[in-house]
Protein backbone atom coordinates (compact mmCIF):
# COMPACT_ATOMS: atom_id res chain seq x y z
CA MET A 1 -0.08 -0.04 0.05
CA LEU A 2 2.90 2.23 0.78
CA ALA A 3 4.86 3.43 -2.28
CA ASN A 4 8.65 2.23 -2.56
CA PRO A 5 10.86 5.05 -2.36
CA THR A 6 14.06 4.80 -4.94
CA HIS A 7 16.60 7.23 -3.35
CA HIS A 8 18.47 8.64 -0.53
CA HIS A 9 19.91 12.24 -0.80
CA SER A 10 19.95 14.47 2.67
CA ILE A 11 19.46 18.34 1.24
CA PHE A 12 19.14 19.82 3.98
CA PRO A 13 24.19 10.74 24.94
CA PRO A 14 22.52 9.57 26.70
CA HIS A 15 20.83 11.95 29.43
CA PRO A 16 23.83 12.42 32.23
CA ASP A 17 21.68 10.62 35.04
CA ARG A 18 19.93 7.75 33.30
CA ASN A 19 21.49 4.48 33.67
CA HIS A 20 21.49 2.60 30.23
CA ASP A 21 23.38 -0.39 31.00
CA LEU A 22 25.66 -0.47 27.62
CA LEU A 23 28.30 -2.95 28.02
CA VAL A 24 30.89 -0.54 26.74
CA THR A 25 34.76 -0.37 27.10
CA THR A 26 36.23 2.67 28.15
CA ASN A 27 37.60 3.59 24.49
CA ASP A 28 34.06 3.49 23.23
CA PRO A 29 33.08 7.13 21.94
CA PHE A 30 29.72 7.09 23.03
CA HIS A 31 30.89 6.08 26.36
CA ALA A 32 32.99 8.93 26.73
CA LEU A 33 30.73 10.78 25.38
CA SER A 34 28.17 9.75 28.31
CA ASP A 35 30.69 11.22 30.92
CA SER A 36 31.51 14.49 29.32
CA LEU A 37 28.24 15.12 28.17
CA ALA A 38 27.47 18.01 30.74
CA SER A 39 30.43 20.04 30.31
CA LEU A 40 30.32 20.73 26.20
CA THR A 41 30.56 23.58 24.93
CA LEU A 42 30.71 25.33 21.75
CA THR A 43 34.65 25.28 20.23
CA ALA A 44 36.80 24.58 17.54
CA VAL A 45 39.97 22.88 18.60
CA THR A 46 42.43 22.47 15.36
CA ALA A 47 44.69 19.32 15.94
CA ALA A 48 47.91 21.17 15.36
CA SER A 49 47.39 23.98 17.94
CA PRO A 50 44.20 25.22 20.24
CA ALA A 51 42.69 27.88 18.74
CA PRO A 52 40.66 30.42 20.97
CA ALA A 53 36.87 29.74 22.03
CA GLN A 54 34.47 30.56 19.75
CA THR A 55 31.27 32.92 21.19
CA GLN A 56 28.24 31.80 20.78
CA HIS A 57 27.06 34.17 17.95
CA GLN A 58 30.17 34.11 16.06
CA PRO A 59 31.32 31.58 13.42
CA PRO A 60 34.74 29.88 13.18
CA SER A 61 37.05 32.32 11.32
CA SER A 62 38.16 29.73 8.97
CA SER A 63 35.76 26.58 7.14
CA PRO A 64 36.23 23.47 9.14
CA PRO A 65 35.38 20.32 6.97
CA HIS A 66 31.72 20.09 8.76
CA SER A 67 30.63 23.87 8.91
CA TYR A 68 27.17 24.35 9.97
CA PRO A 69 24.59 26.65 9.32
CA HIS A 70 24.39 29.54 12.37
CA PRO A 71 20.59 30.04 13.20
CA GLN A 72 21.19 33.11 15.44
CA THR A 73 22.78 34.95 12.17
CA LEU A 74 19.60 35.03 10.47
CA PRO A 75 16.83 37.45 11.21
CA ARG A 76 14.19 36.38 13.35
CA THR A 77 10.56 36.68 12.81
CA HIS A 78 8.29 38.69 15.26
CA HIS A 79 6.26 36.77 17.98
CA ALA A 80 2.61 36.74 16.78
CA SER A 81 0.05 36.63 19.57
CA PRO A 82 -2.53 34.23 19.74
CA ASP A 83 -5.86 34.50 18.42
CA SER A 84 -8.88 32.56 17.18
CA ASN A 85 -7.00 30.53 14.35
CA HIS A 86 -4.57 29.49 17.30
CA PRO A 87 -6.72 27.78 19.53
CA ASP A 88 -5.90 26.71 22.77
CA PRO A 89 -3.92 23.11 23.28
CA ILE A 90 -5.40 20.21 24.63
CA THR A 91 -3.63 18.64 27.56
CA ILE A 92 -4.03 14.90 27.71
CA THR A 93 -2.92 11.78 30.27
CA PRO A 94 -2.37 8.86 28.21
CA LEU A 95 -3.37 5.90 29.74
CA PHE A 96 -3.11 2.52 27.39
CA PRO A 97 -3.59 -1.24 28.51
CA PRO A 98 -0.48 -3.31 29.73
CA GLY A 99 0.96 -5.89 27.90
CA ASP A 100 2.37 -7.54 24.64
CA ASN A 101 -1.00 -8.92 24.08
CA VAL A 102 -4.15 -6.57 23.62
CA ILE A 103 -7.45 -7.15 21.63
CA PHE A 104 -9.91 -4.38 21.97
CA ALA A 105 -12.98 -6.49 21.95
CA HIS A 106 -15.47 -3.78 21.99
CA SER A 107 -13.58 -2.64 18.33
CA SER A 108 -15.77 -1.84 15.16
CA PHE A 109 -13.70 -5.22 13.80
CA PHE A 110 -16.07 -7.52 16.48
CA THR A 111 -19.20 -5.02 16.86
CA ARG A 112 -19.68 -5.19 12.83
CA ARG A 113 -19.28 -9.02 12.82
CA ARG A 114 -21.80 -9.39 15.09
CA HIS A 115 -23.97 -7.10 13.80
CA HIS A 116 -23.67 -9.05 10.37
CA HIS A 117 -23.61 -12.63 11.66
CA HIS A 118 -25.55 -14.08 8.86
CA SER A 119 -22.10 -12.98 6.26
CA PRO A 120 -19.90 -16.08 6.16
CA LEU A 121 -16.06 -15.26 6.98
CA PRO A 122 -13.51 -17.13 5.03
CA THR A 123 -12.94 -20.44 7.13
CA ALA A 124 -9.26 -19.66 7.73
CA PHE A 125 -9.97 -17.21 10.20
CA SER A 126 -13.08 -18.72 12.34
CA HIS A 127 -13.42 -22.23 13.17
CA SER A 128 -16.89 -22.46 10.94
CA THR A 129 -18.77 -20.67 9.13
CA THR A 130 -21.23 -19.88 11.38
CA THR A 131 -18.89 -18.33 13.74
CA PRO A 132 -20.52 -14.76 14.72
CA THR A 133 -17.38 -13.02 16.11
CA PRO A 134 -14.19 -14.31 14.58
CA ASP A 135 -10.77 -13.31 15.95
CA LEU A 136 -8.10 -11.60 14.59
CA PRO A 137 -5.98 -13.42 12.59
CA THR A 138 -3.00 -15.38 14.11
CA PRO A 139 0.26 -14.51 14.02
CA ALA A 140 1.24 -17.98 11.50
CA GLN A 141 -1.97 -16.66 9.48
CA VAL A 142 -0.75 -12.68 8.90
CA ARG A 143 2.27 -14.47 7.52
CA ASP A 144 0.50 -17.07 5.52
CA GLU A 145 -1.37 -14.55 4.03
CA ALA A 146 1.69 -12.22 2.94
CA ALA A 147 3.47 -15.26 1.72
CA ARG A 148 0.30 -15.64 -0.30
CA LEU A 149 -0.02 -11.99 -1.62
CA GLY A 150 4.23 -11.72 -2.50
CA ILE A 151 4.13 -8.88 0.18
CA SER A 152 7.78 -7.83 0.41
CA THR A 153 9.10 -5.51 3.77
CA THR A 154 8.07 -1.96 3.14
CA THR A 155 10.44 0.65 2.82
CA THR A 156 9.04 3.17 4.75
CA ASN A 157 12.16 3.29 7.07
CA GLU A 158 14.60 1.91 4.41
CA GLY A 159 18.49 2.19 5.12
CA PRO A 160 20.21 1.27 8.44
CA GLY A 161 18.03 0.72 11.09
CA SER A 162 14.80 -0.25 8.64
CA ASN A 163 12.12 -1.93 11.12
CA GLY A 164 11.22 -4.34 8.68
CA ALA A 165 7.97 -4.09 8.43
CA LYS A 166 5.44 -6.00 6.04
CA LEU A 167 1.38 -4.96 5.54
CA VAL A 168 -0.61 -7.34 5.02
CA PRO A 169 -4.55 -6.36 3.72
CA PHE A 170 -7.36 -8.50 4.69
CA PRO A 171 -10.23 -7.10 2.52
CA ALA A 172 -12.57 -9.61 3.76
CA LEU A 173 -12.47 -8.44 7.28
CA GLY A 174 -11.68 -4.93 6.55
CA LEU A 175 -8.64 -5.44 8.26
CA LEU A 176 -4.67 -4.47 7.46
CA VAL A 177 -1.91 -5.91 9.75
CA LYS A 178 1.82 -4.36 9.92
CA PHE A 179 3.99 -6.87 11.44
CA GLY A 180 8.15 -6.96 11.80
CA PRO A 181 10.58 -7.21 13.98
CA GLY A 182 10.99 -3.44 14.53
CA VAL A 183 7.24 -2.92 14.81
CA SER A 184 6.07 -1.53 17.71
CA ALA A 185 2.71 -1.38 20.00
CA ALA A 186 3.78 2.20 20.37
CA GLU A 187 2.52 2.69 17.04
CA GLY A 188 -1.10 1.56 17.85
CA LYS A 189 -1.06 3.14 20.98
CA ALA A 190 -0.52 6.36 18.80
CA MET A 191 -3.37 6.14 17.11
CA MET A 192 -5.58 5.16 19.97
CA LEU A 193 -3.80 8.03 21.55
CA LEU A 194 -5.28 10.76 18.47
CA ARG A 195 -8.75 8.67 18.38
CA ARG A 196 -9.74 9.32 22.08
CA ALA A 197 -7.94 13.28 22.20
CA LEU A 198 -9.83 14.34 19.08
CA ALA A 199 -12.77 12.93 18.55
CA SER A 200 -14.65 15.54 20.25
CA SER A 201 -13.01 18.15 18.10
CA LEU A 202 -13.53 16.36 14.51
CA SER A 203 -16.35 14.35 15.41
CA SER A 204 -18.99 14.14 12.51
CA SER A 205 -23.03 13.80 13.44
CA SER A 206 -22.83 10.42 13.93
CA SER A 207 -25.40 8.10 14.74
CA GLU A 208 -26.43 7.31 18.25
CA GLY A 209 -23.57 5.61 19.84
CA ASN A 210 -21.56 4.41 16.49
CA GLY A 211 -18.67 6.29 17.39
CA GLU A 212 -17.61 7.21 14.36
CA VAL A 213 -15.68 9.93 13.23
CA LEU A 214 -13.88 12.64 10.86
CA LEU A 215 -10.14 11.84 12.19
CA PRO A 216 -8.45 10.46 9.58
CA VAL A 217 -6.81 7.68 11.64
CA PRO A 218 -7.15 4.16 11.70
CA GLU A 219 -8.88 2.18 14.13
CA VAL A 220 -6.70 -0.13 16.14
CA PHE A 221 -8.05 -3.62 16.91
CA GLY A 222 -4.80 -4.78 18.56
CA TRP A 223 -1.60 -5.98 19.16
CA ARG A 224 0.40 -9.44 19.51
CA ARG A 225 3.78 -10.20 20.05
CA ASP A 226 4.82 -13.65 18.41
CA ALA A 227 7.06 -15.14 21.08
CA GLY A 228 8.74 -17.53 18.94
CA THR A 229 10.27 -14.72 16.87
CA GLY A 230 9.58 -11.48 19.32
CA GLU A 231 7.68 -10.29 16.22
CA ARG A 232 5.03 -7.53 16.85
CA PHE A 233 1.88 -7.39 15.31
CA VAL A 234 -0.77 -4.08 14.95
CA TYR A 235 -4.42 -4.73 13.99
CA MET A 236 -5.80 -1.62 12.52
CA ASP A 237 -8.88 -0.86 9.99
CA LEU A 238 -8.40 -0.75 6.70
CA PRO A 239 -9.00 1.96 4.52
CA GLU A 240 -10.87 0.21 1.07
CA GLY A 241 -11.33 1.40 -2.33
CA GLU A 242 -9.08 4.55 -1.90
CA GLU A 243 -5.62 5.55 -3.43
CA VAL A 244 -2.54 6.28 -1.92
CA LEU A 245 -1.88 10.49 -2.20
CA GLU A 246 1.13 9.79 -3.49
CA GLU A 247 0.34 7.64 -6.53
CA ARG A 248 -2.87 10.15 -7.30
CA TRP A 249 -1.48 13.51 -7.29
CA GLY A 250 -0.36 13.73 -10.86
CA ARG A 251 -4.01 12.95 -12.07
CA MET A 252 -5.75 15.63 -9.38
CA SER A 253 -6.45 19.55 -10.60
CA GLU A 254 -5.35 22.34 -8.76
CA GLY A 255 -8.15 22.73 -6.97
CA GLU A 256 -7.98 19.39 -5.77
CA LYS A 257 -4.65 19.35 -4.52
CA GLU A 258 -5.12 22.42 -2.76
CA GLY A 259 -8.62 21.14 -1.10
CA VAL A 260 -6.50 18.32 0.04
CA CYS A 261 -3.78 20.04 1.43
CA VAL A 262 -6.46 22.31 3.63
CA GLN A 263 -7.82 18.90 5.29
CA LEU A 264 -4.41 17.94 5.66
CA ARG A 265 -3.53 21.38 7.18
CA GLU A 266 -6.42 20.99 9.78
CA VAL A 267 -5.68 17.77 10.69
CA VAL A 268 -2.12 18.53 11.39
CA ARG A 269 -2.97 21.52 13.34
CA ALA A 270 -5.57 19.48 15.56
CA TRP A 271 -2.97 16.70 16.53
CA ARG A 272 -0.29 19.21 17.72
CA ARG A 273 -2.31 20.86 19.79
CA LEU A 274 -2.29 18.17 22.21
CA ARG A 275 0.40 18.69 25.03
CA LEU A 276 1.24 16.20 27.98
CA GLY A 277 0.28 18.31 30.84
CA GLY A 278 2.97 19.87 32.99
CA VAL A 279 5.74 18.52 31.80
CA GLY A 280 8.42 18.79 28.42
CA PHE A 281 8.88 15.17 28.06
CA VAL A 282 10.44 13.90 24.84
CA GLY A 283 9.58 10.66 23.93
CA SER A 284 7.47 7.64 22.51
CA VAL A 285 3.84 7.90 23.09
CA ASP A 286 4.09 5.23 25.53
CA ASN A 287 7.19 6.89 27.47
CA GLY A 288 9.65 5.13 25.96
CA PRO A 289 12.55 6.06 23.69
CA LEU A 290 11.90 7.88 20.67
CA ARG A 291 11.61 6.00 17.47
CA ASP A 292 12.51 8.11 14.89
CA GLU A 293 14.28 6.74 12.07
CA VAL A 294 17.51 9.47 12.72
CA PHE A 295 18.25 7.72 15.63
CA ARG A 296 18.21 4.12 14.47
CA GLY A 297 21.78 3.92 13.44
CA CYS A 298 23.18 5.51 16.06
CA THR A 299 21.17 2.77 18.51
CA MET A 300 22.64 0.06 16.32
CA ALA A 301 26.16 1.78 16.66
CA GLY A 302 26.27 1.11 20.39
CA ALA A 303 24.81 4.14 21.44
CA PRO A 304 22.48 4.76 24.25
CA PRO A 305 18.74 4.94 23.33
CA PRO A 306 17.22 7.93 22.63
CA GLY A 307 15.35 9.12 25.54
CA PRO A 308 12.97 9.22 27.17
CA PHE A 309 13.92 13.08 28.26
CA PRO A 310 12.77 15.09 30.98
CA THR A 311 12.95 18.00 28.93
CA SER A 312 13.53 19.56 25.58
CA ALA A 313 17.01 21.04 26.83
CA ALA A 314 18.04 17.40 27.49
CA PHE A 315 16.80 16.00 24.19
CA HIS A 316 18.94 18.56 21.99
CA ASP A 317 21.89 18.12 24.28
CA TYR A 318 22.14 14.14 22.74
CA PHE A 319 20.57 15.04 19.34
CA VAL A 320 23.71 17.85 19.18
CA SER A 321 25.96 15.19 20.72
CA MET A 322 24.99 11.89 18.85
CA ALA A 323 25.61 13.91 15.52
CA VAL A 324 29.05 15.21 16.41
CA THR A 325 30.24 11.61 17.98
CA VAL A 326 28.80 9.75 14.77
CA SER A 327 30.43 12.30 12.79
CA GLN A 328 34.17 11.77 14.71
CA THR A 329 33.75 7.94 14.41
CA ARG A 330 33.47 7.54 11.32
CA GLN A 331 36.31 10.16 10.65
CA GLN A 332 38.20 7.92 12.85
CA GLN A 333 37.21 4.75 10.95
CA ALA A 334 37.92 6.21 7.47
CA GLY A 335 41.59 7.22 8.67
CA ALA A 336 40.77 10.98 8.65
CA ALA A 337 42.18 11.98 11.97
CA GLY A 338 45.41 14.09 11.51
CA VAL A 339 47.23 17.48 11.33
CA GLY A 340 44.56 20.20 10.59
CA GLN A 341 41.40 18.19 11.65
CA VAL A 342 38.31 19.79 13.65
CA ARG A 343 37.02 18.78 16.45
CA TYR A 344 33.92 19.87 17.92
CA THR A 345 32.32 19.94 21.31
CA PRO A 346 28.94 21.65 20.91
CA HIS A 347 27.00 23.67 22.55
CA HIS A 348 24.04 23.87 20.49
CA LEU A 349 21.64 26.77 19.77
CA PHE A 350 18.35 24.88 19.12
CA PRO A 351 15.65 26.86 21.56
CA ASP A 352 14.97 24.85 24.77
CA ASP A 353 11.77 26.73 25.34
CA VAL A 354 10.30 25.56 22.44
CA PRO A 355 6.95 23.60 23.13
CA VAL A 356 6.49 19.70 22.46
CA VAL A 357 3.67 18.67 20.72
CA PHE A 358 2.42 15.59 19.40
CA THR A 359 3.99 14.81 15.71
CA HIS A 360 3.60 11.92 13.17
CA GLY A 361 7.19 12.06 12.32
CA ALA A 362 6.68 10.79 8.85
CA LEU A 363 4.42 13.38 7.00
CA HIS A 364 4.60 12.02 3.18
CA PRO A 365 1.89 11.72 0.52
CA ARG A 366 2.65 7.98 0.60
CA ASN A 367 1.32 7.72 3.84
CA ILE A 368 -2.01 9.66 2.92
CA ILE A 369 -5.08 7.86 1.72
CA VAL A 370 -7.44 9.70 -0.28
CA SER A 371 -11.09 8.60 -1.38
CA ALA A 372 -11.62 8.16 -5.22
CA GLY A 373 -13.56 10.44 -7.69
CA ARG A 374 -13.61 13.79 -7.72
CA ASN A 375 -12.30 16.22 -4.92
CA PRO A 376 -10.91 13.77 -3.00
CA ARG A 377 -10.63 13.51 0.85
CA ILE A 378 -8.43 12.44 3.20
CA VAL A 379 -9.57 9.25 4.31
CA SER A 380 -6.90 7.65 5.98
CA ILE A 381 -3.42 8.81 7.62
CA LEU A 382 -1.00 5.71 7.83
CA GLY A 383 2.67 4.89 9.12
CA TRP A 384 2.33 5.94 12.88
CA ASP A 385 5.65 4.08 13.92
CA GLN A 386 7.73 7.24 14.69
CA ALA A 387 4.86 9.13 16.11
CA GLY A 388 5.91 10.90 19.55
CA TRP A 389 6.51 13.95 21.60
CA TYR A 390 8.77 16.14 20.00
CA PRO A 391 9.90 19.64 19.52
CA ALA A 392 7.48 21.77 17.44
CA TYR A 393 9.91 22.16 14.86
CA TRP A 394 10.53 18.25 14.14
CA GLU A 395 7.54 17.56 12.13
CA LEU A 396 8.33 20.17 9.51
CA CYS A 397 12.12 18.96 9.59
CA LYS A 398 10.91 15.47 9.22
CA ALA A 399 8.57 16.28 6.62
CA ARG A 400 11.02 17.91 4.37
CA ARG A 401 13.57 15.50 4.85
CA GLU A 402 11.16 12.69 3.65
CA CYS A 403 10.99 14.64 0.72
CA SER A 404 14.93 14.30 -0.03
CA ARG A 405 15.15 10.79 0.85
CA ARG A 406 12.06 9.54 -0.89
CA GLY A 407 11.33 11.97 -3.37
CA GLY A 408 7.95 13.88 -3.59
CA PRO A 409 5.36 14.69 -6.08
CA GLY A 410 5.59 17.94 -8.12
CA GLU A 411 5.98 21.03 -5.60
CA TRP A 412 4.90 18.98 -3.00
CA GLU A 413 7.83 20.28 -0.30
CA SER A 414 8.38 23.84 -1.79
CA ARG A 415 4.18 24.92 -2.16
CA TYR A 416 2.25 22.51 -0.44
CA LEU A 417 3.81 21.82 2.51
CA PRO A 418 4.52 25.06 3.89
CA VAL A 419 0.66 25.32 3.62
CA ILE A 420 0.18 22.18 5.64
CA LEU A 421 2.28 22.95 8.29
CA ASP A 422 1.72 26.60 8.39
CA ALA A 423 4.68 28.49 8.81
CA ARG A 424 2.57 31.32 10.88
CA ASP A 425 1.36 28.53 13.09
CA LEU A 426 4.90 27.27 13.36
CA SER A 427 6.28 30.59 14.25
CA VAL A 428 4.01 31.10 16.93
CA GLU A 429 4.67 27.60 18.49
CA MET A 430 8.68 28.61 17.67
CA CYS A 431 8.39 31.71 20.06
CA SER A 432 9.55 33.88 17.38
CA TRP A 433 12.78 31.77 15.92
CA ASN A 434 13.60 31.91 12.49
CA VAL A 435 11.96 28.92 11.12
CA GLY A 436 13.63 28.29 7.79
CA ALA A 437 16.89 29.24 10.09
CA LEU A 438 16.37 26.47 12.42
CA CYS A 439 15.36 24.09 9.45
CA GLN A 440 18.58 24.44 8.20
CA TYR A 441 20.64 24.00 11.05
CA TRP A 442 18.75 20.75 11.89
CA ASP A 443 19.66 19.73 8.28
CA TYR A 444 23.29 20.21 9.23
CA PHE A 445 23.09 17.75 11.98
CA VAL A 446 20.75 15.02 10.78
CA SER A 447 23.52 14.97 7.80
CA SER A 448 26.01 13.81 10.64
CA ILE A 449 24.18 11.06 11.93
């Protein structure tokens, strides 16, 4: 269902009091990073001779091999005052059922079968054709169906650290199953959180008690873990008879494109209103480490996990320090160490007072499902495996990177993303930081990881 990317091109430490229980040697750069994180400051020191420390607002006097854009050398925008176009945040306290195996017996998967018990289901998913409430397919049945359909690993997170996920549709059951060694129940929890938190603000005038909403997020029926392989399975509603926006885009009129982007803007604006009450926590929806693919290469290389972090400041320390450490490690492995090499101990310039908001993390047309026919509407948004609580700028930066790595429909990044992720809204959330300059700064560090 998701389009396969064909190319990858980038354009654009542990928290000190956290015990990561890693088996490392004293020469491990990540271990050294953990010990020295608290004392990091911005300096540029050559191997030949020490150079004067640079001030926070002054770039290095010469261009080092890995120079970086300086966000505060560019003008900032003015802080806009909140108005009716910027509704108040929605404070939530996420609660999720515990355990690796959770099935929601009151979800529509089961209730609609009870209401339509006269319609027999495939015998592969029930002991007899008269069983009115079939169970969800077992892991073995899901794998068999994937093999029958010839479904290979999705490339939603292609590259180092790919989660090796597969999407298996069961049209007769109205079911979509995502499974693989890197799939997490956190993806199902992210969709659950959105549907619960935003149902009231995006609800339709549904009939009595049916709970239908206009929120384009799949309903979650449950999740399981295969004890034999460790793979996790997330069961969700299947959007049927629709099209992936990336495939539909070239056949849409300009008016249809603008209409879809306006719809998407309203949905994104709604989930960005979500806040965790009274905390600046940065992490996954279930209080675990961030699952963003940006950090997967780091964890595979033996780095501490990316969080969770108690504040944006702690997250920024980790993010910048990982970029510097990984870059230096690569140089050492390539034999680049020597006279004239510049080593950085960074004091980053990311705004630590930026709000933390709910973030999808992979907003791209390949993850957006629209209705068929004229004037398409957004019916489902998929790809929630990287979702979590991130600084407010992360959604825009990641959406740009998704376009860079995987390509995108014509003018998606340059023309339509600024509409979807309203730059004026983001400027308010960023407390008047220059958004464009900050994205360039972000690009530099991500390209080093």
